[in-house]
PDB file of all heavy atoms in Angstrom:
ATOM      1  N   GLN A   1    -102.904 -73.785  33.980  1.00  0.00           N
ATOM      2  CA  GLN A   1    -101.849 -72.881  34.439  1.00  0.00           C
ATOM      3  C   GLN A   1    -100.534 -73.624  34.617  1.00  0.00           C
ATOM      4  O   GLN A   1     -99.463 -73.122  34.263  1.00  0.00           O
ATOM      5  CB  GLN A   1    -102.268 -72.229  35.756  1.00  0.00           C
ATOM      6  CG  GLN A   1    -103.420 -71.258  35.619  1.00  0.00           C
ATOM      7  CD  GLN A   1    -103.845 -70.670  36.953  1.00  0.00           C
ATOM      8  OE1 GLN A   1    -103.581 -71.246  38.017  1.00  0.00           O
ATOM      9  NE2 GLN A   1    -104.509 -69.535  36.909  1.00  0.00           N
ATOM     10  N   LEU A   2    -100.612 -74.826  35.169  1.00  0.00           N
ATOM     11  CA  LEU A   2     -99.401 -75.612  35.376  1.00  0.00           C
ATOM     12  C   LEU A   2     -98.715 -75.938  34.053  1.00  0.00           C
ATOM     13  O   LEU A   2     -97.476 -75.910  33.958  1.00  0.00           O
ATOM     14  CB  LEU A   2     -99.728 -76.903  36.123  1.00  0.00           C
ATOM     15  CG  LEU A   2    -100.148 -76.761  37.586  1.00  0.00           C
ATOM     16  CD1 LEU A   2    -100.630 -78.105  38.119  1.00  0.00           C
ATOM     17  CD2 LEU A   2     -98.992 -76.243  38.443  1.00  0.00           C
ATOM     18  N   GLU A   3     -99.490 -76.245  33.030  1.00  0.00           N
ATOM     19  CA  GLU A   3     -98.903 -76.583  31.732  1.00  0.00           C
ATOM     20  C   GLU A   3     -98.167 -75.390  31.143  1.00  0.00           C
ATOM     21  O   GLU A   3     -97.118 -75.540  30.510  1.00  0.00           O
ATOM     22  CB  GLU A   3     -99.983 -77.074  30.770  1.00  0.00           C
ATOM     23  CG  GLU A   3    -100.539 -78.460  31.108  1.00  0.00           C
ATOM     24  CD  GLU A   3     -99.509 -79.570  30.988  1.00  0.00           C
ATOM     25  OE1 GLU A   3     -98.436 -79.344  30.391  1.00  0.00           O
ATOM     26  OE2 GLU A   3     -99.776 -80.679  31.505  1.00  0.00           O
ATOM     27  N   GLU A   4     -98.681 -74.198  31.354  1.00  0.00           N
ATOM     28  CA  GLU A   4     -97.994 -72.998  30.878  1.00  0.00           C
ATOM     29  C   GLU A   4     -96.657 -72.823  31.587  1.00  0.00           C
ATOM     30  O   GLU A   4     -95.647 -72.478  30.961  1.00  0.00           O
ATOM     31  CB  GLU A   4     -98.875 -71.768  31.091  1.00  0.00           C
ATOM     32  CG  GLU A   4    -100.118 -71.736  30.211  1.00  0.00           C
ATOM     33  CD  GLU A   4    -100.985 -70.524  30.480  1.00  0.00           C
ATOM     34  OE1 GLU A   4    -100.554 -69.651  31.257  1.00  0.00           O
ATOM     35  OE2 GLU A   4    -102.093 -70.441  29.922  1.00  0.00           O
ATOM     36  N   VAL A   5     -96.657 -73.061  32.895  1.00  0.00           N
ATOM     37  CA  VAL A   5     -95.407 -72.970  33.649  1.00  0.00           C
ATOM     38  C   VAL A   5     -94.440 -74.060  33.201  1.00  0.00           C
ATOM     39  O   VAL A   5     -93.234 -73.818  33.027  1.00  0.00           O
ATOM     40  CB  VAL A   5     -95.674 -73.077  35.168  1.00  0.00           C
ATOM     41  CG1 VAL A   5     -94.370 -73.087  35.956  1.00  0.00           C
ATOM     42  CG2 VAL A   5     -96.570 -71.921  35.626  1.00  0.00           C
ATOM     43  N   ALA A   6     -94.966 -75.264  32.988  1.00  0.00           N
ATOM     44  CA  ALA A   6     -94.124 -76.384  32.550  1.00  0.00           C
ATOM     45  C   ALA A   6     -93.448 -76.080  31.220  1.00  0.00           C
ATOM     46  O   ALA A   6     -92.278 -76.435  31.005  1.00  0.00           O
ATOM     47  CB  ALA A   6     -94.952 -77.654  32.447  1.00  0.00           C
ATOM     48  N   GLU A   7     -94.158 -75.417  30.304  1.00  0.00           N
ATOM     49  CA  GLU A   7     -93.562 -75.053  29.022  1.00  0.00           C
ATOM     50  C   GLU A   7     -92.369 -74.127  29.220  1.00  0.00           C
ATOM     51  O   GLU A   7     -91.343 -74.266  28.543  1.00  0.00           O
ATOM     52  CB  GLU A   7     -94.611 -74.387  28.134  1.00  0.00           C
ATOM     53  CG  GLU A   7     -95.656 -75.352  27.576  1.00  0.00           C
ATOM     54  CD  GLU A   7     -96.649 -74.654  26.668  1.00  0.00           C
ATOM     55  OE1 GLU A   7     -96.390 -73.480  26.295  1.00  0.00           O
ATOM     56  OE2 GLU A   7     -97.674 -75.268  26.327  1.00  0.00           O
ATOM     57  N   ARG A   8     -92.492 -73.199  30.142  1.00  0.00           N
ATOM     58  CA  ARG A   8     -91.382 -72.270  30.410  1.00  0.00           C
ATOM     59  C   ARG A   8     -90.217 -72.982  31.088  1.00  0.00           C
ATOM     60  O   ARG A   8     -89.061 -72.660  30.838  1.00  0.00           O
ATOM     61  CB  ARG A   8     -91.873 -71.104  31.260  1.00  0.00           C
ATOM     62  CG  ARG A   8     -92.906 -70.233  30.542  1.00  0.00           C
ATOM     63  CD  ARG A   8     -93.266 -69.012  31.354  1.00  0.00           C
ATOM     64  NE  ARG A   8     -92.103 -68.154  31.579  1.00  0.00           N
ATOM     65  CZ  ARG A   8     -92.137 -67.050  32.324  1.00  0.00           C
ATOM     66  NH1 ARG A   8     -93.282 -66.688  32.913  1.00  0.00           N
ATOM     67  NH2 ARG A   8     -91.059 -66.326  32.503  1.00  0.00           N
ATOM     68  N   VAL A   9     -90.531 -73.967  31.929  1.00  0.00           N
ATOM     69  CA  VAL A   9     -89.476 -74.769  32.544  1.00  0.00           C
ATOM     70  C   VAL A   9     -88.725 -75.551  31.466  1.00  0.00           C
ATOM     71  O   VAL A   9     -87.489 -75.549  31.413  1.00  0.00           O
ATOM     72  CB  VAL A   9     -90.059 -75.734  33.595  1.00  0.00           C
ATOM     73  CG1 VAL A   9     -89.023 -76.792  34.000  1.00  0.00           C
ATOM     74  CG2 VAL A   9     -90.535 -74.957  34.820  1.00  0.00           C
ATOM     75  N   ARG A  10     -89.472 -76.200  30.604  1.00  0.00           N
ATOM     76  CA  ARG A  10     -88.846 -77.021  29.557  1.00  0.00           C
ATOM     77  C   ARG A  10     -88.042 -76.177  28.576  1.00  0.00           C
ATOM     78  O   ARG A  10     -87.063 -76.648  27.997  1.00  0.00           O
ATOM     79  CB  ARG A  10     -89.923 -77.835  28.854  1.00  0.00           C
ATOM     80  CG  ARG A  10     -90.533 -78.917  29.759  1.00  0.00           C
ATOM     81  CD  ARG A  10     -91.805 -79.499  29.200  1.00  0.00           C
ATOM     82  NE  ARG A  10     -92.416 -80.425  30.168  1.00  0.00           N
ATOM     83  CZ  ARG A  10     -93.725 -80.579  30.340  1.00  0.00           C
ATOM     84  NH1 ARG A  10     -94.575 -79.876  29.591  1.00  0.00           N
ATOM     85  NH2 ARG A  10     -94.186 -81.423  31.239  1.00  0.00           N
ATOM     86  N   ALA A  11     -88.433 -74.929  28.406  1.00  0.00           N
ATOM     87  CA  ALA A  11     -87.696 -74.032  27.518  1.00  0.00           C
ATOM     88  C   ALA A  11     -86.286 -73.749  28.036  1.00  0.00           C
ATOM     89  O   ALA A  11     -85.398 -73.360  27.266  1.00  0.00           O
ATOM     90  CB  ALA A  11     -88.456 -72.717  27.343  1.00  0.00           C
ATOM     91  N   THR A  12     -86.066 -73.980  29.338  1.00  0.00           N
ATOM     92  CA  THR A  12     -84.728 -73.802  29.911  1.00  0.00           C
ATOM     93  C   THR A  12     -83.856 -75.038  29.698  1.00  0.00           C
ATOM     94  O   THR A  12     -82.669 -75.022  30.026  1.00  0.00           O
ATOM     95  CB  THR A  12     -84.803 -73.519  31.420  1.00  0.00           C
ATOM     96  OG1 THR A  12     -85.210 -74.718  32.122  1.00  0.00           O
ATOM     97  CG2 THR A  12     -85.774 -72.396  31.735  1.00  0.00           C
ATOM     98  N   GLY A  13     -84.470 -76.119  29.211  1.00  0.00           N
ATOM     99  CA  GLY A  13     -83.743 -77.370  29.033  1.00  0.00           C
ATOM    100  C   GLY A  13     -83.900 -78.332  30.184  1.00  0.00           C
ATOM    101  O   GLY A  13     -83.324 -79.424  30.172  1.00  0.00           O
ATOM    102  N   ARG A  14     -84.726 -77.954  31.170  1.00  0.00           N
ATOM    103  CA  ARG A  14     -84.954 -78.826  32.320  1.00  0.00           C
ATOM    104  C   ARG A  14     -86.299 -79.540  32.173  1.00  0.00           C
ATOM    105  O   ARG A  14     -87.142 -79.168  31.345  1.00  0.00           O
ATOM    106  CB  ARG A  14     -84.930 -78.044  33.632  1.00  0.00           C
ATOM    107  CG  ARG A  14     -83.662 -77.260  33.879  1.00  0.00           C
ATOM    108  CD  ARG A  14     -82.380 -78.070  33.718  1.00  0.00           C
ATOM    109  NE  ARG A  14     -82.383 -79.298  34.497  1.00  0.00           N
ATOM    110  CZ  ARG A  14     -81.333 -80.111  34.601  1.00  0.00           C
ATOM    111  NH1 ARG A  14     -80.203 -79.823  33.941  1.00  0.00           N
ATOM    112  NH2 ARG A  14     -81.392 -81.212  35.322  1.00  0.00           N
ATOM    113  N   ARG A  15     -86.520 -80.557  32.998  1.00  0.00           N
ATOM    114  CA  ARG A  15     -87.740 -81.343  32.956  1.00  0.00           C
ATOM    115  C   ARG A  15     -88.756 -80.826  33.971  1.00  0.00           C
ATOM    116  O   ARG A  15     -88.385 -80.301  35.022  1.00  0.00           O
ATOM    117  CB  ARG A  15     -87.420 -82.812  33.240  1.00  0.00           C
ATOM    118  CG  ARG A  15     -86.528 -83.465  32.197  1.00  0.00           C
ATOM    119  CD  ARG A  15     -86.111 -84.866  32.622  1.00  0.00           C
ATOM    120  NE  ARG A  15     -85.222 -84.830  33.793  1.00  0.00           N
ATOM    121  CZ  ARG A  15     -84.787 -85.922  34.428  1.00  0.00           C
ATOM    122  NH1 ARG A  15     -85.193 -87.125  34.027  1.00  0.00           N
ATOM    123  NH2 ARG A  15     -83.974 -85.810  35.459  1.00  0.00           N
ATOM    124  N   ALA A  16     -90.030 -81.008  33.626  1.00  0.00           N
ATOM    125  CA  ALA A  16     -91.118 -80.604  34.526  1.00  0.00           C
ATOM    126  C   ALA A  16     -92.135 -81.725  34.622  1.00  0.00           C
ATOM    127  O   ALA A  16     -92.511 -82.316  33.607  1.00  0.00           O
ATOM    128  CB  ALA A  16     -91.780 -79.329  34.029  1.00  0.00           C
ATOM    129  N   LEU A  17     -92.568 -82.015  35.836  1.00  0.00           N
ATOM    130  CA  LEU A  17     -93.660 -82.952  36.072  1.00  0.00           C
ATOM    131  C   LEU A  17     -94.836 -82.174  36.629  1.00  0.00           C
ATOM    132  O   LEU A  17     -94.725 -81.517  37.672  1.00  0.00           O
ATOM    133  CB  LEU A  17     -93.238 -84.041  37.058  1.00  0.00           C
ATOM    134  CG  LEU A  17     -94.345 -85.037  37.466  1.00  0.00           C
ATOM    135  CD1 LEU A  17     -94.804 -85.848  36.259  1.00  0.00           C
ATOM    136  CD2 LEU A  17     -93.850 -85.968  38.586  1.00  0.00           C
ATOM    137  N   VAL A  18     -95.961 -82.229  35.925  1.00  0.00           N
ATOM    138  CA  VAL A  18     -97.162 -81.499  36.318  1.00  0.00           C
ATOM    139  C   VAL A  18     -98.079 -82.425  37.116  1.00  0.00           C
ATOM    140  O   VAL A  18     -98.436 -83.512  36.644  1.00  0.00           O
ATOM    141  CB  VAL A  18     -97.893 -80.974  35.066  1.00  0.00           C
ATOM    142  CG1 VAL A  18     -99.257 -80.404  35.439  1.00  0.00           C
ATOM    143  CG2 VAL A  18     -97.049 -79.917  34.372  1.00  0.00           C
ATOM    144  N   VAL A  19     -98.458 -81.991  38.327  1.00  0.00           N
ATOM    145  CA  VAL A  19     -99.340 -82.786  39.178  1.00  0.00           C
ATOM    146  C   VAL A  19    -100.485 -81.891  39.676  1.00  0.00           C
ATOM    147  O   VAL A  19    -100.367 -81.248  40.729  1.00  0.00           O
ATOM    148  CB  VAL A  19     -98.595 -83.390  40.380  1.00  0.00           C
ATOM    149  CG1 VAL A  19     -99.536 -84.306  41.171  1.00  0.00           C
ATOM    150  CG2 VAL A  19     -97.353 -84.151  39.943  1.00  0.00           C
ATOM    151  N   PRO A  20    -101.588 -81.836  38.941  1.00  0.00           N
ATOM    152  CA  PRO A  20    -102.747 -81.073  39.439  1.00  0.00           C
ATOM    153  C   PRO A  20    -103.289 -81.740  40.708  1.00  0.00           C
ATOM    154  O   PRO A  20    -103.429 -82.964  40.754  1.00  0.00           O
ATOM    155  CB  PRO A  20    -103.750 -81.163  38.288  1.00  0.00           C
ATOM    156  CG  PRO A  20    -102.942 -81.568  37.093  1.00  0.00           C
ATOM    157  CD  PRO A  20    -101.842 -82.429  37.627  1.00  0.00           C
ATOM    158  N   ALA A  21    -103.574 -80.945  41.718  1.00  0.00           N
ATOM    159  CA  ALA A  21    -104.057 -81.525  42.987  1.00  0.00           C
ATOM    160  C   ALA A  21    -104.674 -80.446  43.855  1.00  0.00           C
ATOM    161  O   ALA A  21    -104.355 -79.258  43.723  1.00  0.00           O
ATOM    162  CB  ALA A  21    -102.903 -82.197  43.739  1.00  0.00           C
ATOM    163  N   ASP A  22    -105.555 -80.878  44.729  1.00  0.00           N
ATOM    164  CA  ASP A  22    -106.090 -80.017  45.775  1.00  0.00           C
ATOM    165  C   ASP A  22    -105.093 -80.054  46.922  1.00  0.00           C
ATOM    166  O   ASP A  22    -105.042 -81.022  47.692  1.00  0.00           O
ATOM    167  CB  ASP A  22    -107.460 -80.525  46.225  1.00  0.00           C
ATOM    168  CG  ASP A  22    -108.030 -79.714  47.387  1.00  0.00           C
ATOM    169  OD1 ASP A  22    -107.377 -78.736  47.817  1.00  0.00           O
ATOM    170  OD2 ASP A  22    -109.125 -80.068  47.874  1.00  0.00           O
ATOM    171  N   LEU A  23    -104.296 -79.008  47.049  1.00  0.00           N
ATOM    172  CA  LEU A  23    -103.199 -79.027  48.007  1.00  0.00           C
ATOM    173  C   LEU A  23    -103.635 -78.725  49.440  1.00  0.00           C
ATOM    174  O   LEU A  23    -102.800 -78.681  50.335  1.00  0.00           O
ATOM    175  CB  LEU A  23    -102.099 -78.062  47.563  1.00  0.00           C
ATOM    176  CG  LEU A  23    -101.467 -78.416  46.209  1.00  0.00           C
ATOM    177  CD1 LEU A  23    -100.373 -77.416  45.852  1.00  0.00           C
ATOM    178  CD2 LEU A  23    -100.900 -79.834  46.233  1.00  0.00           C
ATOM    179  N   SER A  24    -104.937 -78.544  49.642  1.00  0.00           N
ATOM    180  CA  SER A  24    -105.425 -78.491  51.024  1.00  0.00           C
ATOM    181  C   SER A  24    -105.585 -79.894  51.595  1.00  0.00           C
ATOM    182  O   SER A  24    -105.746 -80.081  52.795  1.00  0.00           O
ATOM    183  CB  SER A  24    -106.763 -77.748  51.102  1.00  0.00           C
ATOM    184  OG  SER A  24    -107.774 -78.464  50.396  1.00  0.00           O
ATOM    185  N   ASP A  25    -105.497 -80.890  50.721  1.00  0.00           N
ATOM    186  CA  ASP A  25    -105.549 -82.304  51.102  1.00  0.00           C
ATOM    187  C   ASP A  25    -104.132 -82.744  51.453  1.00  0.00           C
ATOM    188  O   ASP A  25    -103.265 -82.813  50.590  1.00  0.00           O
ATOM    189  CB  ASP A  25    -106.099 -83.121  49.929  1.00  0.00           C
ATOM    190  CG  ASP A  25    -106.216 -84.612  50.233  1.00  0.00           C
ATOM    191  OD1 ASP A  25    -105.553 -85.098  51.179  1.00  0.00           O
ATOM    192  OD2 ASP A  25    -106.942 -85.305  49.507  1.00  0.00           O
TER     193      ASP A  25
END
């Protein structure tokens, strides 16, 4: 899911860093 969002971010000309994580930690 994050990679799909990152593709849309990059399509705007901006950079995206994807960090999969358990955010309850």
